[in-house]
């Protein structure tokens, strides 16, 4: 079973360059970091990707409302860009 289309990374990581005190990296609320999501979503649509997009913000760092905002942000960007991913 493949986790992502050939040539794509298994995941996209946006951590804003942050590290926890233990040296581990942590995920942040989607749309607040450095990833250009419009470009990323257009790229996925451009190769015909129609699979799942599964946000994985760190629940220790992102509130439940932040997790909901992350999902809403992705849905809104897909809709506003007129994409079918």
C-alpha atoms as a PDB file:
ATOM      1  CA  UNK A   1       0.000   0.000   0.000  1.00  0.00           C
ATOM      2  CA  UNK A   2       1.368   3.399  -0.957  1.00  0.00           C
ATOM      3  CA  UNK A   3       0.936   6.350   1.369  1.00  0.00           C
ATOM      4  CA  UNK A   4       1.318   9.014  -1.288  1.00  0.00           C
ATOM      5  CA  UNK A   5       1.545   9.357  -5.060  1.00  0.00           C
ATOM      6  CA  UNK A   6       4.961   8.668  -6.601  1.00  0.00           C
ATOM      7  CA  UNK A   7       7.282  11.634  -6.267  1.00  0.00           C
ATOM      8  CA  UNK A   8       5.429  13.199  -3.338  1.00  0.00           C
ATOM      9  CA  UNK A   9       6.569  13.151   0.261  1.00  0.00           C
ATOM     10  CA  UNK A  10       4.500  11.110   2.674  1.00  0.00           C
ATOM     11  CA  UNK A  11       3.592  14.259   4.541  1.00  0.00           C
ATOM     12  CA  UNK A  12       3.953  18.008   4.597  1.00  0.00           C
ATOM     13  CA  UNK A  13       5.369  19.406   7.787  1.00  0.00           C
ATOM     14  CA  UNK A  14       4.843  22.970   8.962  1.00  0.00           C
ATOM     15  CA  UNK A  15       6.489  23.615  12.275  1.00  0.00           C
ATOM     16  CA  UNK A  16       7.493  27.250  11.873  1.00  0.00           C
ATOM     17  CA  UNK A  17      10.996  26.189  12.844  1.00  0.00           C
ATOM     18  CA  UNK A  18       9.868  25.486  16.409  1.00  0.00           C
ATOM     19  CA  UNK A  19      11.247  22.820  18.681  1.00  0.00           C
ATOM     20  CA  UNK A  20      10.008  21.771  22.064  1.00  0.00           C
ATOM     21  CA  UNK A  21      12.284  21.872  25.075  1.00  0.00           C
ATOM     22  CA  UNK A  22      12.925  18.141  24.585  1.00  0.00           C
ATOM     23  CA  UNK A  23      14.250  18.858  21.087  1.00  0.00           C
ATOM     24  CA  UNK A  24      11.251  17.301  19.349  1.00  0.00           C
ATOM     25  CA  UNK A  25       9.420  19.196  16.658  1.00  0.00           C
ATOM     26  CA  UNK A  26       5.717  19.803  16.866  1.00  0.00           C
ATOM     27  CA  UNK A  27       2.973  20.525  14.369  1.00  0.00           C
ATOM     28  CA  UNK A  28       1.102  23.827  14.454  1.00  0.00           C
ATOM     29  CA  UNK A  29      -2.283  25.111  13.359  1.00  0.00           C
ATOM     30  CA  UNK A  30      -2.606  24.861   9.578  1.00  0.00           C
ATOM     31  CA  UNK A  31      -2.540  28.227   7.866  1.00  0.00           C
ATOM     32  CA  UNK A  32      -0.367  29.867  10.529  1.00  0.00           C
ATOM     33  CA  UNK A  33       3.015  28.570   9.405  1.00  0.00           C
ATOM     34  CA  UNK A  34       5.299  28.939   6.411  1.00  0.00           C
ATOM     35  CA  UNK A  35       3.729  26.473   3.959  1.00  0.00           C
ATOM     36  CA  UNK A  36       2.195  28.061   0.864  1.00  0.00           C
ATOM     37  CA  UNK A  37      -1.025  26.049   0.966  1.00  0.00           C
ATOM     38  CA  UNK A  38      -2.448  27.562  -2.220  1.00  0.00           C
ATOM     39  CA  UNK A  39       0.615  26.416  -4.141  1.00  0.00           C
ATOM     40  CA  UNK A  40       0.586  23.012  -2.421  1.00  0.00           C
ATOM     41  CA  UNK A  41      -3.116  22.432  -3.143  1.00  0.00           C
ATOM     42  CA  UNK A  42      -2.729  23.549  -6.768  1.00  0.00           C
ATOM     43  CA  UNK A  43       0.195  21.140  -7.119  1.00  0.00           C
ATOM     44  CA  UNK A  44      -1.864  18.238  -5.805  1.00  0.00           C
ATOM     45  CA  UNK A  45      -4.739  19.105  -8.143  1.00  0.00           C
ATOM     46  CA  UNK A  46      -2.275  19.507 -11.026  1.00  0.00           C
ATOM     47  CA  UNK A  47      -1.124  15.903 -10.752  1.00  0.00           C
ATOM     48  CA  UNK A  48      -4.683  14.640 -10.421  1.00  0.00           C
ATOM     49  CA  UNK A  49      -4.438  13.741  -6.735  1.00  0.00           C
ATOM     50  CA  UNK A  50      -7.859  12.885  -5.314  1.00  0.00           C
ATOM     51  CA  UNK A  51      -6.834  11.166  -2.093  1.00  0.00           C
ATOM     52  CA  UNK A  52      -7.235  12.112   1.514  1.00  0.00           C
ATOM     53  CA  UNK A  53      -5.710  15.115   3.216  1.00  0.00           C
ATOM     54  CA  UNK A  54      -5.330  14.376   6.898  1.00  0.00           C
ATOM     55  CA  UNK A  55      -4.285  17.290   9.120  1.00  0.00           C
ATOM     56  CA  UNK A  56      -2.236  16.204  12.128  1.00  0.00           C
ATOM     57  CA  UNK A  57      -1.777  19.257  14.346  1.00  0.00           C
ATOM     58  CA  UNK A  58      -0.267  18.409  17.725  1.00  0.00           C
ATOM     59  CA  UNK A  59      -3.139  18.315  20.237  1.00  0.00           C
ATOM     60  CA  UNK A  60      -0.676  19.322  22.972  1.00  0.00           C
ATOM     61  CA  UNK A  61       0.070  22.535  21.064  1.00  0.00           C
ATOM     62  CA  UNK A  62      -3.135  23.184  19.108  1.00  0.00           C
ATOM     63  CA  UNK A  63      -6.472  23.601  20.864  1.00  0.00           C
ATOM     64  CA  UNK A  64      -9.568  21.714  19.683  1.00  0.00           C
ATOM     65  CA  UNK A  65     -10.766  25.008  18.148  1.00  0.00           C
ATOM     66  CA  UNK A  66      -7.399  25.316  16.380  1.00  0.00           C
ATOM     67  CA  UNK A  67      -7.792  21.808  14.985  1.00  0.00           C
ATOM     68  CA  UNK A  68     -11.261  22.725  13.682  1.00  0.00           C
ATOM     69  CA  UNK A  69      -9.834  25.942  12.182  1.00  0.00           C
ATOM     70  CA  UNK A  70      -7.091  23.892  10.479  1.00  0.00           C
ATOM     71  CA  UNK A  71      -9.627  21.643   8.760  1.00  0.00           C
ATOM     72  CA  UNK A  72     -11.858  24.605   7.886  1.00  0.00           C
ATOM     73  CA  UNK A  73      -8.862  26.482   6.452  1.00  0.00           C
ATOM     74  CA  UNK A  74      -8.023  23.612   4.083  1.00  0.00           C
ATOM     75  CA  UNK A  75     -11.653  23.211   3.006  1.00  0.00           C
ATOM     76  CA  UNK A  76     -11.958  26.956   2.392  1.00  0.00           C
ATOM     77  CA  UNK A  77      -8.739  27.146   0.358  1.00  0.00           C
ATOM     78  CA  UNK A  78      -9.809  24.176  -1.808  1.00  0.00           C
ATOM     79  CA  UNK A  79     -13.232  25.759  -2.386  1.00  0.00           C
ATOM     80  CA  UNK A  80     -11.897  29.273  -3.086  1.00  0.00           C
ATOM     81  CA  UNK A  81      -9.268  27.940  -5.488  1.00  0.00           C
ATOM     82  CA  UNK A  82     -11.959  25.926  -7.309  1.00  0.00           C
ATOM     83  CA  UNK A  83     -10.015  22.683  -6.896  1.00  0.00           C
ATOM     84  CA  UNK A  84     -11.241  19.118  -6.777  1.00  0.00           C
ATOM     85  CA  UNK A  85      -8.790  17.406  -4.427  1.00  0.00           C
END
